[in-house]
Amino acid sequence: MFSRRRRRTARPVRRNPVLQFIKIIALFVVPFILWMFADLPLLNKYFSIKSVRDQRKAEVQKLQDEIAAKKIEKEQLSDSQFADEALARERFQYVKPGEKLYLIQMEGEEK
């Protein structure tokens, strides 16, 4: 007479674990990225600090080169023959045979 109908139970929905993982990551990563790039003054400050740092590095390199040149000059001046020749050329305008001496006076300099 009456047929018994079997009630259907709801099947559990199978979810792809990779897709769930991507959703969770997107839930945390996307707001973080938006937060990072929404704070433009912070980025501008970063780039300005970076450019100042690069300028300072160039300055330090230039000063290190100057120090190296001064050390070489100091070593040369400690050599008495070189020091005597440099002193004679600068103060007394001595020249070697065959050389010509040119004196250039700049404006504002005293003789």
C-alpha atoms as a PDB file:
ATOM      1  CA  MET A   1       0.000   0.000   0.000  1.00  0.00           C
ATOM      2  CA  PHE A   2       1.929   2.848   1.133  1.00  0.00           C
ATOM      3  CA  SER A   3       5.420   2.812  -0.051  1.00  0.00           C
ATOM      4  CA  ARG A   4       7.917   3.932   2.282  1.00  0.00           C
ATOM      5  CA  ARG A   5       9.954   6.742   1.078  1.00  0.00           C
ATOM      6  CA  ARG A   6      13.334   7.011   2.341  1.00  0.00           C
ATOM      7  CA  ARG A   7      14.189  10.406   3.497  1.00  0.00           C
ATOM      8  CA  ARG A   8      17.261  11.798   1.912  1.00  0.00           C
ATOM      9  CA  THR A   9      19.823  13.086   4.266  1.00  0.00           C
ATOM     10  CA  ALA A  10      21.790  16.066   3.223  1.00  0.00           C
ATOM     11  CA  ARG A  11      25.154  15.114   1.940  1.00  0.00           C
ATOM     12  CA  PRO A  12      28.089  16.985   3.381  1.00  0.00           C
ATOM     13  CA  VAL A  13      29.465  19.388   0.853  1.00  0.00           C
ATOM     14  CA  ARG A  14      32.958  18.448  -0.135  1.00  0.00           C
ATOM     15  CA  ARG A  15      35.200  21.439  -0.095  1.00  0.00           C
ATOM     16  CA  ASN A  16      38.466  21.679  -1.883  1.00  0.00           C
ATOM     17  CA  PRO A  17      41.165  22.155   0.797  1.00  0.00           C
ATOM     18  CA  VAL A  18      43.415  24.101  -1.568  1.00  0.00           C
ATOM     19  CA  LEU A  19      40.618  26.515  -2.342  1.00  0.00           C
ATOM     20  CA  GLN A  20      39.902  26.918   1.367  1.00  0.00           C
ATOM     21  CA  PHE A  21      43.558  27.646   2.024  1.00  0.00           C
ATOM     22  CA  ILE A  22      43.635  30.284  -0.732  1.00  0.00           C
ATOM     23  CA  LYS A  23      40.522  31.919   0.723  1.00  0.00           C
ATOM     24  CA  ILE A  24      42.042  32.082   4.195  1.00  0.00           C
ATOM     25  CA  ILE A  25      45.313  33.513   2.887  1.00  0.00           C
ATOM     26  CA  ALA A  26      43.418  36.071   0.812  1.00  0.00           C
ATOM     27  CA  LEU A  27      41.417  37.027   3.864  1.00  0.00           C
ATOM     28  CA  PHE A  28      44.593  38.041   5.697  1.00  0.00           C
ATOM     29  CA  VAL A  29      46.938  39.061   2.879  1.00  0.00           C
ATOM     30  CA  VAL A  30      44.652  41.357   0.888  1.00  0.00           C
ATOM     31  CA  PRO A  31      43.861  43.680   3.835  1.00  0.00           C
ATOM     32  CA  PHE A  32      47.546  43.745   4.754  1.00  0.00           C
ATOM     33  CA  ILE A  33      48.541  44.752   1.221  1.00  0.00           C
ATOM     34  CA  LEU A  34      45.837  47.420   1.165  1.00  0.00           C
ATOM     35  CA  TRP A  35      47.070  48.711   4.512  1.00  0.00           C
ATOM     36  CA  MET A  36      50.665  48.860   3.274  1.00  0.00           C
ATOM     37  CA  PHE A  37      49.918  50.734   0.085  1.00  0.00           C
ATOM     38  CA  ALA A  38      47.243  52.966   1.566  1.00  0.00           C
ATOM     39  CA  ASP A  39      49.843  54.512   3.845  1.00  0.00           C
ATOM     40  CA  LEU A  40      51.619  56.481   1.105  1.00  0.00           C
ATOM     41  CA  PRO A  41      53.304  59.011   3.415  1.00  0.00           C
ATOM     42  CA  LEU A  42      55.130  56.082   4.979  1.00  0.00           C
ATOM     43  CA  LEU A  43      56.332  54.939   1.560  1.00  0.00           C
ATOM     44  CA  ASN A  44      57.400  58.460   0.622  1.00  0.00           C
ATOM     45  CA  LYS A  45      59.335  58.698   3.846  1.00  0.00           C
ATOM     46  CA  TYR A  46      61.011  55.349   3.132  1.00  0.00           C
ATOM     47  CA  PHE A  47      62.172  56.460  -0.309  1.00  0.00           C
ATOM     48  CA  SER A  48      63.379  59.835   0.944  1.00  0.00           C
ATOM     49  CA  ILE A  49      65.362  58.133   3.711  1.00  0.00           C
ATOM     50  CA  LYS A  50      66.783  55.719   1.156  1.00  0.00           C
ATOM     51  CA  SER A  51      67.942  58.569  -1.087  1.00  0.00           C
ATOM     52  CA  VAL A  52      69.535  60.358   1.883  1.00  0.00           C
ATOM     53  CA  ARG A  53      71.284  57.105   2.815  1.00  0.00           C
ATOM     54  CA  ASP A  54      72.643  56.775  -0.745  1.00  0.00           C
ATOM     55  CA  GLN A  55      73.899  60.374  -0.623  1.00  0.00           C
ATOM     56  CA  ARG A  56      75.626  59.718   2.684  1.00  0.00           C
ATOM     57  CA  LYS A  57      77.259  56.593   1.281  1.00  0.00           C
ATOM     58  CA  ALA A  58      78.591  58.600  -1.660  1.00  0.00           C
ATOM     59  CA  GLU A  59      79.845  61.263   0.752  1.00  0.00           C
ATOM     60  CA  VAL A  60      81.590  58.667   2.894  1.00  0.00           C
ATOM     61  CA  GLN A  61      83.232  57.136  -0.183  1.00  0.00           C
ATOM     62  CA  LYS A  62      84.430  60.559  -1.320  1.00  0.00           C
ATOM     63  CA  LEU A  63      85.881  61.296   2.127  1.00  0.00           C
ATOM     64  CA  GLN A  64      87.579  57.899   2.245  1.00  0.00           C
ATOM     65  CA  ASP A  65      89.192  58.658  -1.128  1.00  0.00           C
ATOM     66  CA  GLU A  66      90.380  62.025   0.193  1.00  0.00           C
ATOM     67  CA  ILE A  67      91.827  60.347   3.286  1.00  0.00           C
ATOM     68  CA  ALA A  68      93.702  57.861   1.112  1.00  0.00           C
ATOM     69  CA  ALA A  69      95.094  60.716  -0.995  1.00  0.00           C
ATOM     70  CA  LYS A  70      96.177  62.606   2.134  1.00  0.00           C
ATOM     71  CA  LYS A  71      97.923  59.501   3.469  1.00  0.00           C
ATOM     72  CA  ILE A  72      99.861  59.160   0.220  1.00  0.00           C
ATOM     73  CA  GLU A  73     100.759  62.850   0.360  1.00  0.00           C
ATOM     74  CA  LYS A  74     101.878  62.447   3.977  1.00  0.00           C
ATOM     75  CA  GLU A  75     104.101  59.505   3.033  1.00  0.00           C
ATOM     76  CA  GLN A  76     105.596  61.485   0.180  1.00  0.00           C
ATOM     77  CA  LEU A  77     106.241  64.496   2.399  1.00  0.00           C
ATOM     78  CA  SER A  78     107.925  62.309   4.983  1.00  0.00           C
ATOM     79  CA  ASP A  79     110.476  61.426   2.282  1.00  0.00           C
ATOM     80  CA  SER A  80     113.009  64.238   2.722  1.00  0.00           C
ATOM     81  CA  GLN A  81     114.109  64.501  -0.925  1.00  0.00           C
ATOM     82  CA  PHE A  82     110.531  64.844  -2.148  1.00  0.00           C
ATOM     83  CA  ALA A  83     109.687  67.280   0.655  1.00  0.00           C
ATOM     84  CA  ASP A  84     112.712  69.451  -0.111  1.00  0.00           C
ATOM     85  CA  GLU A  85     111.854  69.564  -3.808  1.00  0.00           C
ATOM     86  CA  ALA A  86     108.184  70.363  -3.150  1.00  0.00           C
ATOM     87  CA  LEU A  87     109.145  73.109  -0.708  1.00  0.00           C
ATOM     88  CA  ALA A  88     111.609  74.637  -3.176  1.00  0.00           C
ATOM     89  CA  ARG A  89     109.077  74.572  -5.999  1.00  0.00           C
ATOM     90  CA  GLU A  90     106.201  76.040  -3.973  1.00  0.00           C
ATOM     91  CA  ARG A  91     107.889  78.691  -1.877  1.00  0.00           C
ATOM     92  CA  PHE A  92     110.851  79.696  -3.992  1.00  0.00           C
ATOM     93  CA  GLN A  93     109.463  78.956  -7.482  1.00  0.00           C
ATOM     94  CA  TYR A  94     112.397  76.733  -8.375  1.00  0.00           C
ATOM     95  CA  VAL A  95     112.198  74.893 -11.699  1.00  0.00           C
ATOM     96  CA  LYS A  96     114.169  72.086 -13.237  1.00  0.00           C
ATOM     97  CA  PRO A  97     116.207  72.798 -16.366  1.00  0.00           C
ATOM     98  CA  GLY A  98     113.894  72.940 -19.382  1.00  0.00           C
ATOM     99  CA  GLU A  99     110.757  73.671 -17.379  1.00  0.00           C
ATOM    100  CA  LYS A 100     108.837  76.926 -17.577  1.00  0.00           C
ATOM    101  CA  LEU A 101     107.190  78.486 -14.558  1.00  0.00           C
ATOM    102  CA  TYR A 102     103.734  79.993 -14.896  1.00  0.00           C
ATOM    103  CA  LEU A 103     102.352  82.001 -11.998  1.00  0.00           C
ATOM    104  CA  ILE A 104      98.589  82.413 -11.991  1.00  0.00           C
ATOM    105  CA  GLN A 105      97.163  84.973  -9.644  1.00  0.00           C
ATOM    106  CA  MET A 106      93.466  84.660  -8.879  1.00  0.00           C
ATOM    107  CA  GLU A 107      91.288  87.640  -8.044  1.00  0.00           C
ATOM    108  CA  GLY A 108      91.319  88.425  -4.355  1.00  0.00           C
ATOM    109  CA  GLU A 109      94.593  86.587  -3.690  1.00  0.00           C
ATOM    110  CA  GLU A 110      97.556  88.435  -2.309  1.00  0.00           C
ATOM    111  CA  LYS A 111     100.991  88.019  -3.766  1.00  0.00           C
END
